[in-house]
Amino acid sequence: MSDPSAVLQRVHQADQKLWVPGLGEVDPNVTAAQRVVREYDERLVLARHELTGDWVVFIKLDRERMYPVIGIGPELPDNAEDLRQRLWKADTRIHGDKVLRDINAHNEKIQRESRRRALDADEQTAEALEWGFRQEGVLARKVFVPRDL
């Protein structure tokens, strides 16, 4: 039988990776991160994508289906509080209205820029038509070109 104090000494000196029967090898940082995610919301699950190696927070839709909601990246935050803050910032139940306002404002900005570019193009087209007609001697005064042309 091993000396218990020697066992504890070796464990303290070694890299902290634990094998938990039924779960495999578990890093304590992973266990802590999983606890933070679960405490934040029982429907959330922290998992590592096997192909990309990225840590992702999923929401359980039902017993068999989960949907990815927050991409963490290849490394988990060192600090549990950083992960808790990340969950809080991404929480659409808390910040949903603000997120929706930000999305709508961004889309409106894109539409305004698109309309401005279209108006600029319409003006350039009208000027080009006017110039062309004047060159041909067909036009003696300004031309109005409707927008829907």
C-alpha atoms as a PDB file:
ATOM      1  CA  MET A   1       0.000   0.000   0.000  1.00  0.00           C
ATOM      2  CA  SER A   2       1.290   3.470  -0.925  1.00  0.00           C
ATOM      3  CA  ASP A   3       2.078   6.124   1.613  1.00  0.00           C
ATOM      4  CA  PRO A   4      -0.903   8.588   1.505  1.00  0.00           C
ATOM      5  CA  SER A   5       1.312  11.630   2.020  1.00  0.00           C
ATOM      6  CA  ALA A   6       3.591  10.524  -0.841  1.00  0.00           C
ATOM      7  CA  VAL A   7       0.544  10.088  -3.092  1.00  0.00           C
ATOM      8  CA  LEU A   8      -0.701  13.589  -2.253  1.00  0.00           C
ATOM      9  CA  GLN A   9       2.763  15.028  -2.798  1.00  0.00           C
ATOM     10  CA  ARG A  10       2.988  13.432  -6.272  1.00  0.00           C
ATOM     11  CA  VAL A  11      -0.513  14.653  -7.159  1.00  0.00           C
ATOM     12  CA  HIS A  12       0.315  18.205  -6.101  1.00  0.00           C
ATOM     13  CA  GLN A  13       3.489  18.209  -8.196  1.00  0.00           C
ATOM     14  CA  ALA A  14       1.921  16.703 -11.320  1.00  0.00           C
ATOM     15  CA  ASP A  15      -0.084  18.456 -14.004  1.00  0.00           C
ATOM     16  CA  GLN A  16      -3.682  18.583 -12.784  1.00  0.00           C
ATOM     17  CA  LYS A  17      -5.467  16.163 -15.084  1.00  0.00           C
ATOM     18  CA  LEU A  18      -7.820  13.724 -13.472  1.00  0.00           C
ATOM     19  CA  TRP A  19      -9.365  10.534 -14.727  1.00  0.00           C
ATOM     20  CA  VAL A  20     -12.890  10.205 -13.420  1.00  0.00           C
ATOM     21  CA  PRO A  21     -14.460   6.767 -13.947  1.00  0.00           C
ATOM     22  CA  GLY A  22     -17.170   7.044 -16.569  1.00  0.00           C
ATOM     23  CA  LEU A  23     -15.996  10.483 -17.682  1.00  0.00           C
ATOM     24  CA  GLY A  24     -12.426   9.865 -18.805  1.00  0.00           C
ATOM     25  CA  GLU A  25      -9.596  12.333 -18.307  1.00  0.00           C
ATOM     26  CA  VAL A  26     -10.869  15.635 -16.914  1.00  0.00           C
ATOM     27  CA  ASP A  27      -8.960  18.872 -16.416  1.00  0.00           C
ATOM     28  CA  PRO A  28     -10.087  20.733 -13.260  1.00  0.00           C
ATOM     29  CA  ASN A  29     -10.348  23.960 -15.302  1.00  0.00           C
ATOM     30  CA  VAL A  30     -12.852  22.199 -17.539  1.00  0.00           C
ATOM     31  CA  THR A  31     -14.816  20.965 -14.548  1.00  0.00           C
ATOM     32  CA  ALA A  32     -14.890  24.491 -13.090  1.00  0.00           C
ATOM     33  CA  ALA A  33     -15.998  25.960 -16.433  1.00  0.00           C
ATOM     34  CA  GLN A  34     -18.742  23.336 -16.762  1.00  0.00           C
ATOM     35  CA  ARG A  35     -19.959  24.205 -13.264  1.00  0.00           C
ATOM     36  CA  VAL A  36     -20.050  27.945 -14.111  1.00  0.00           C
ATOM     37  CA  VAL A  37     -22.054  27.259 -17.278  1.00  0.00           C
ATOM     38  CA  ARG A  38     -24.475  24.927 -15.507  1.00  0.00           C
ATOM     39  CA  GLU A  39     -24.941  27.358 -12.595  1.00  0.00           C
ATOM     40  CA  TYR A  40     -25.610  30.220 -14.993  1.00  0.00           C
ATOM     41  CA  ASP A  41     -28.415  28.310 -16.721  1.00  0.00           C
ATOM     42  CA  GLU A  42     -29.402  24.664 -16.347  1.00  0.00           C
ATOM     43  CA  ARG A  43     -30.198  24.468 -20.074  1.00  0.00           C
ATOM     44  CA  LEU A  44     -26.602  25.295 -21.074  1.00  0.00           C
ATOM     45  CA  VAL A  45     -23.898  22.703 -21.735  1.00  0.00           C
ATOM     46  CA  LEU A  46     -20.172  23.308 -22.264  1.00  0.00           C
ATOM     47  CA  ALA A  47     -18.606  20.975 -24.803  1.00  0.00           C
ATOM     48  CA  ARG A  48     -15.518  20.762 -26.988  1.00  0.00           C
ATOM     49  CA  HIS A  49     -16.054  20.249 -30.700  1.00  0.00           C
ATOM     50  CA  GLU A  50     -14.115  17.155 -31.725  1.00  0.00           C
ATOM     51  CA  LEU A  51     -13.157  18.358 -35.210  1.00  0.00           C
ATOM     52  CA  THR A  52     -12.248  22.000 -34.546  1.00  0.00           C
ATOM     53  CA  GLY A  53     -11.112  21.679 -30.933  1.00  0.00           C
ATOM     54  CA  ASP A  54     -13.154  24.760 -30.014  1.00  0.00           C
ATOM     55  CA  TRP A  55     -15.034  25.079 -26.738  1.00  0.00           C
ATOM     56  CA  VAL A  56     -18.689  25.924 -27.329  1.00  0.00           C
ATOM     57  CA  VAL A  57     -21.650  26.606 -25.067  1.00  0.00           C
ATOM     58  CA  PHE A  58     -24.760  24.804 -26.310  1.00  0.00           C
ATOM     59  CA  ILE A  59     -28.361  25.204 -25.262  1.00  0.00           C
ATOM     60  CA  LYS A  60     -30.351  22.004 -24.830  1.00  0.00           C
ATOM     61  CA  LEU A  61     -33.417  22.143 -27.061  1.00  0.00           C
ATOM     62  CA  ASP A  62     -34.631  18.772 -25.850  1.00  0.00           C
ATOM     63  CA  ARG A  63     -33.080  15.527 -24.622  1.00  0.00           C
ATOM     64  CA  GLU A  64     -31.372  14.731 -27.923  1.00  0.00           C
ATOM     65  CA  ARG A  65     -30.767  18.094 -29.574  1.00  0.00           C
ATOM     66  CA  MET A  66     -28.446  20.953 -28.638  1.00  0.00           C
ATOM     67  CA  TYR A  67     -27.791  24.236 -30.453  1.00  0.00           C
ATOM     68  CA  PRO A  68     -24.473  26.156 -30.277  1.00  0.00           C
ATOM     69  CA  VAL A  69     -24.989  29.622 -28.806  1.00  0.00           C
ATOM     70  CA  ILE A  70     -21.583  30.919 -27.660  1.00  0.00           C
ATOM     71  CA  GLY A  71     -18.214  30.129 -29.226  1.00  0.00           C
ATOM     72  CA  ILE A  72     -15.444  30.263 -26.637  1.00  0.00           C
ATOM     73  CA  GLY A  73     -12.489  29.221 -28.799  1.00  0.00           C
ATOM     74  CA  PRO A  74      -9.712  26.662 -28.469  1.00  0.00           C
ATOM     75  CA  GLU A  75      -8.864  27.682 -24.873  1.00  0.00           C
ATOM     76  CA  LEU A  76     -11.181  28.133 -21.924  1.00  0.00           C
ATOM     77  CA  PRO A  77     -10.791  31.320 -19.882  1.00  0.00           C
ATOM     78  CA  ASP A  78      -8.383  30.849 -16.968  1.00  0.00           C
ATOM     79  CA  ASN A  79     -10.758  32.623 -14.640  1.00  0.00           C
ATOM     80  CA  ALA A  80     -14.305  31.388 -13.942  1.00  0.00           C
ATOM     81  CA  GLU A  81     -15.443  35.013 -13.582  1.00  0.00           C
ATOM     82  CA  ASP A  82     -14.342  35.755 -17.170  1.00  0.00           C
ATOM     83  CA  LEU A  83     -16.543  32.913 -18.409  1.00  0.00           C
ATOM     84  CA  ARG A  84     -19.446  34.085 -16.224  1.00  0.00           C
ATOM     85  CA  GLN A  85     -19.106  37.604 -17.716  1.00  0.00           C
ATOM     86  CA  ARG A  86     -19.032  36.159 -21.230  1.00  0.00           C
ATOM     87  CA  LEU A  87     -22.259  34.249 -20.543  1.00  0.00           C
ATOM     88  CA  TRP A  88     -23.887  37.348 -19.064  1.00  0.00           C
ATOM     89  CA  LYS A  89     -22.922  39.579 -22.010  1.00  0.00           C
ATOM     90  CA  ALA A  90     -24.296  37.044 -24.500  1.00  0.00           C
ATOM     91  CA  ASP A  91     -27.543  36.464 -22.557  1.00  0.00           C
ATOM     92  CA  THR A  92     -30.331  37.503 -24.903  1.00  0.00           C
ATOM     93  CA  ARG A  93     -32.937  37.202 -22.154  1.00  0.00           C
ATOM     94  CA  ILE A  94     -31.189  40.077 -20.380  1.00  0.00           C
ATOM     95  CA  HIS A  95     -29.791  41.997 -23.359  1.00  0.00           C
ATOM     96  CA  GLY A  96     -32.187  40.897 -26.122  1.00  0.00           C
ATOM     97  CA  ASP A  97     -33.789  44.309 -26.639  1.00  0.00           C
ATOM     98  CA  LYS A  98     -30.407  46.031 -26.885  1.00  0.00           C
ATOM     99  CA  VAL A  99     -29.069  43.368 -29.261  1.00  0.00           C
ATOM    100  CA  LEU A 100     -32.163  43.763 -31.443  1.00  0.00           C
ATOM    101  CA  ARG A 101     -31.818  47.578 -31.422  1.00  0.00           C
ATOM    102  CA  ASP A 102     -28.129  47.286 -32.382  1.00  0.00           C
ATOM    103  CA  ILE A 103     -28.942  44.879 -35.231  1.00  0.00           C
ATOM    104  CA  ASN A 104     -31.736  47.130 -36.521  1.00  0.00           C
ATOM    105  CA  ALA A 105     -29.534  50.242 -36.310  1.00  0.00           C
ATOM    106  CA  HIS A 106     -26.770  48.439 -38.206  1.00  0.00           C
ATOM    107  CA  ASN A 107     -29.231  47.296 -40.905  1.00  0.00           C
ATOM    108  CA  GLU A 108     -30.698  50.812 -41.222  1.00  0.00           C
ATOM    109  CA  LYS A 109     -27.192  52.229 -41.672  1.00  0.00           C
ATOM    110  CA  ILE A 110     -26.515  49.708 -44.459  1.00  0.00           C
ATOM    111  CA  GLN A 111     -29.836  50.592 -46.144  1.00  0.00           C
ATOM    112  CA  ARG A 112     -29.145  54.349 -45.899  1.00  0.00           C
ATOM    113  CA  GLU A 113     -25.727  53.874 -47.511  1.00  0.00           C
ATOM    114  CA  SER A 114     -27.269  51.708 -50.225  1.00  0.00           C
ATOM    115  CA  ARG A 115     -29.973  54.324 -50.957  1.00  0.00           C
ATOM    116  CA  ARG A 116     -27.333  57.080 -51.040  1.00  0.00           C
ATOM    117  CA  ARG A 117     -25.210  55.102 -53.520  1.00  0.00           C
ATOM    118  CA  ALA A 118     -28.299  54.445 -55.660  1.00  0.00           C
ATOM    119  CA  LEU A 119     -29.187  58.154 -55.630  1.00  0.00           C
ATOM    120  CA  ASP A 120     -25.613  59.068 -56.598  1.00  0.00           C
ATOM    121  CA  ALA A 121     -25.772  56.565 -59.456  1.00  0.00           C
ATOM    122  CA  ASP A 122     -29.150  57.974 -60.596  1.00  0.00           C
ATOM    123  CA  GLU A 123     -27.696  61.479 -60.652  1.00  0.00           C
ATOM    124  CA  GLN A 124     -24.649  60.348 -62.602  1.00  0.00           C
ATOM    125  CA  THR A 125     -26.874  58.513 -65.109  1.00  0.00           C
ATOM    126  CA  ALA A 126     -29.073  61.588 -65.588  1.00  0.00           C
ATOM    127  CA  GLU A 127     -26.032  63.791 -66.129  1.00  0.00           C
ATOM    128  CA  ALA A 128     -24.592  61.320 -68.644  1.00  0.00           C
ATOM    129  CA  LEU A 129     -27.897  61.163 -70.562  1.00  0.00           C
ATOM    130  CA  GLU A 130     -28.154  64.941 -70.608  1.00  0.00           C
ATOM    131  CA  TRP A 131     -24.587  65.276 -71.852  1.00  0.00           C
ATOM    132  CA  GLY A 132     -25.171  62.664 -74.560  1.00  0.00           C
ATOM    133  CA  PHE A 133     -28.380  64.305 -75.785  1.00  0.00           C
ATOM    134  CA  ARG A 134     -26.692  67.717 -75.854  1.00  0.00           C
ATOM    135  CA  GLN A 135     -23.793  66.268 -77.858  1.00  0.00           C
ATOM    136  CA  GLU A 136     -26.270  64.937 -80.403  1.00  0.00           C
ATOM    137  CA  GLY A 137     -28.043  68.293 -80.514  1.00  0.00           C
ATOM    138  CA  VAL A 138     -31.302  66.650 -79.467  1.00  0.00           C
ATOM    139  CA  LEU A 139     -31.597  68.534 -76.223  1.00  0.00           C
ATOM    140  CA  ALA A 140     -31.627  72.211 -75.584  1.00  0.00           C
ATOM    141  CA  ARG A 141     -32.718  72.125 -71.961  1.00  0.00           C
ATOM    142  CA  LYS A 142     -32.424  69.869 -68.896  1.00  0.00           C
ATOM    143  CA  VAL A 143     -33.925  66.377 -68.888  1.00  0.00           C
ATOM    144  CA  PHE A 144     -35.870  64.846 -66.026  1.00  0.00           C
ATOM    145  CA  VAL A 145     -35.261  61.129 -65.628  1.00  0.00           C
ATOM    146  CA  PRO A 146     -37.784  59.386 -63.331  1.00  0.00           C
ATOM    147  CA  ARG A 147     -36.293  57.263 -60.520  1.00  0.00           C
ATOM    148  CA  ASP A 148     -38.020  54.076 -61.605  1.00  0.00           C
ATOM    149  CA  LEU A 149     -36.331  54.059 -64.991  1.00  0.00           C
END
